[in-house]
Amino acid sequence: MTLENNDETQIQQLINDWTSALCVKDIDRMMIKGVTEWRRTWEQCLPYFPESFQVETRDMIINVSGDTAFAHWVSRFTGMPKDHPAGQTWMRATVGYKRQNGRWFIAHEHVSFPLNPETSQIVLTPDI
């Protein structure tokens, strides 16, 4: 295994760990310490999620260069009632990582939904 493949594997594991933490609503595992605003956002958001769900991920690409990495993919929530709003569309995610002292950390994350530019409404895309 090359160093680059090992880095990509480590980034993939971070993504898997974060996704698993989201599915069980474990904010401590989702958060970097000291970012109280992000914690508050998740504390306000997670009560609207169903009790149980999973995340399906597709088309993941991970790029590593030195101590910086970026990954992007599309995902959706699964395993919830079909009429639950959280399961109605695919999301796009881009996450930037920085390696410090041999460990990868999330430096930036962005998740977005497809929007209709004329109405500013989310475009539901149950299948891609």
Protein backbone atom coordinates (compact mmCIF):
# COMPACT_ATOMS: atom_id res chain seq x y z
CA MET A 1 0.00 0.00 0.00
CA THR A 2 1.39 3.37 -0.94
CA LEU A 3 1.42 6.33 1.43
CA GLU A 4 -1.25 8.06 -0.67
CA ASN A 5 -3.53 5.00 -0.52
CA ASN A 6 -3.00 4.80 3.24
CA ASP A 7 -3.94 8.50 3.57
CA GLU A 8 -7.05 7.92 1.48
CA THR A 9 -7.95 4.93 3.66
CA GLN A 10 -7.57 7.08 6.79
CA ILE A 11 -9.78 9.81 5.29
CA GLN A 12 -12.35 7.19 4.24
CA GLN A 13 -12.37 5.86 7.82
CA LEU A 14 -12.95 9.38 9.20
CA ILE A 15 -15.91 9.77 6.84
CA ASN A 16 -17.29 6.37 7.88
CA ASP A 17 -16.83 7.20 11.58
CA TRP A 18 -18.59 10.57 11.20
CA THR A 19 -21.45 8.97 9.27
CA SER A 20 -21.84 6.28 11.95
CA ALA A 21 -21.87 8.95 14.65
CA LEU A 22 -24.57 10.87 12.78
CA CYS A 23 -26.74 7.76 12.46
CA VAL A 24 -26.74 7.28 16.25
CA LYS A 25 -26.91 11.06 16.93
CA ASP A 26 -23.60 11.02 18.84
CA ILE A 27 -22.65 14.71 18.71
CA ASP A 28 -19.45 14.15 20.71
CA ARG A 29 -18.11 11.83 17.99
CA MET A 30 -19.23 14.24 15.25
CA MET A 31 -17.59 17.35 16.69
CA ILE A 32 -14.12 18.71 17.10
CA LYS A 33 -13.69 20.00 20.64
CA GLY A 34 -14.31 23.68 21.32
CA VAL A 35 -16.69 24.50 18.50
CA THR A 36 -19.77 25.31 20.54
CA GLU A 37 -21.66 26.94 17.67
CA TRP A 38 -21.52 23.78 15.56
CA ARG A 39 -22.56 21.72 18.56
CA ARG A 40 -25.58 23.98 19.08
CA THR A 41 -26.54 23.61 15.42
CA TRP A 42 -26.50 19.83 15.64
CA GLU A 43 -28.35 19.86 18.96
CA GLN A 44 -31.12 21.86 17.30
CA CYS A 45 -31.10 19.75 14.12
CA LEU A 46 -30.95 16.14 15.34
CA PRO A 47 -34.34 16.09 17.12
CA TYR A 48 -35.95 16.38 13.67
CA PHE A 49 -34.25 13.21 12.46
CA PRO A 50 -36.10 9.90 12.81
CA GLU A 51 -35.13 7.55 15.64
CA SER A 52 -33.26 5.22 13.30
CA PHE A 53 -31.65 5.82 9.89
CA GLN A 54 -28.58 5.08 7.81
CA VAL A 55 -26.58 7.04 5.23
CA GLU A 56 -26.00 5.83 1.68
CA THR A 57 -22.92 7.34 -0.01
CA ARG A 58 -22.02 7.33 -3.71
CA ASP A 59 -19.34 8.66 -6.04
CA MET A 60 -16.79 9.44 -3.33
CA ILE A 61 -13.52 10.96 -4.50
CA ILE A 62 -10.63 11.59 -2.07
CA ASN A 63 -7.61 13.71 -3.04
CA VAL A 64 -4.57 13.85 -0.75
CA SER A 65 -1.61 16.20 -1.11
CA GLY A 66 0.85 16.28 1.78
CA ASP A 67 -1.00 17.23 4.96
CA THR A 68 -4.14 18.41 3.15
CA ALA A 69 -6.96 16.31 1.74
CA PHE A 70 -10.35 16.96 0.20
CA ALA A 71 -13.19 14.53 -0.32
CA HIS A 72 -16.51 14.97 -2.06
CA TRP A 73 -19.50 12.69 -2.58
CA VAL A 74 -23.27 12.52 -2.72
CA SER A 75 -25.33 10.89 0.01
CA ARG A 76 -28.85 10.44 1.25
CA PHE A 77 -30.56 9.21 4.37
CA THR A 78 -32.11 5.74 4.18
CA GLY A 79 -33.92 3.34 6.49
CA MET A 80 -36.58 5.84 7.51
CA PRO A 81 -40.26 6.25 6.66
CA LYS A 82 -40.64 7.07 2.95
CA ASP A 83 -42.53 10.29 3.72
CA HIS A 84 -39.91 11.67 6.15
CA PRO A 85 -38.48 14.92 4.67
CA ALA A 86 -34.87 13.95 5.47
CA GLY A 87 -35.07 10.99 3.11
CA GLN A 88 -36.47 12.81 0.09
CA THR A 89 -33.30 13.94 -1.69
CA TRP A 90 -29.60 13.45 -2.26
CA MET A 91 -27.08 15.86 -0.69
CA ARG A 92 -23.67 16.93 -1.96
CA ALA A 93 -20.83 16.99 0.55
CA THR A 94 -17.32 18.43 0.36
CA VAL A 95 -14.97 18.08 3.32
CA GLY A 96 -11.44 19.42 3.73
CA TYR A 97 -9.02 17.66 6.07
CA LYS A 98 -5.73 18.70 7.64
CA ARG A 99 -3.17 16.34 9.14
CA GLN A 100 -1.67 17.46 12.46
CA ASN A 101 0.75 15.33 14.48
CA GLY A 102 0.01 12.34 12.25
CA ARG A 103 -3.80 12.52 12.65
CA TRP A 104 -6.39 13.80 10.18
CA PHE A 105 -8.93 16.39 11.32
CA ILE A 106 -11.85 18.05 9.56
CA ALA A 107 -10.83 21.60 8.68
CA HIS A 108 -13.94 22.50 6.67
CA GLU A 109 -17.19 20.84 5.70
CA HIS A 110 -19.97 21.87 3.37
CA VAL A 111 -23.22 20.05 2.61
CA SER A 112 -25.74 21.34 0.10
CA PHE A 113 -28.97 20.32 -1.54
CA PRO A 114 -29.94 20.87 -5.17
CA LEU A 115 -32.00 24.06 -5.40
CA ASN A 116 -34.31 25.41 -8.06
CA PRO A 117 -32.79 28.84 -8.81
CA GLU A 118 -36.18 30.28 -9.76
CA THR A 119 -37.95 29.30 -6.53
CA SER A 120 -35.04 28.78 -4.09
CA GLN A 121 -36.75 25.53 -3.09
CA ILE A 122 -34.96 22.21 -2.60
CA VAL A 123 -35.31 19.95 -5.63
CA LEU A 124 -36.24 16.48 -4.42
CA THR A 125 -34.08 13.87 -6.12
CA PRO A 126 -35.02 10.51 -4.60
CA ASP A 127 -32.96 8.62 -7.20
CA ILE A 128 -29.78 9.52 -9.05
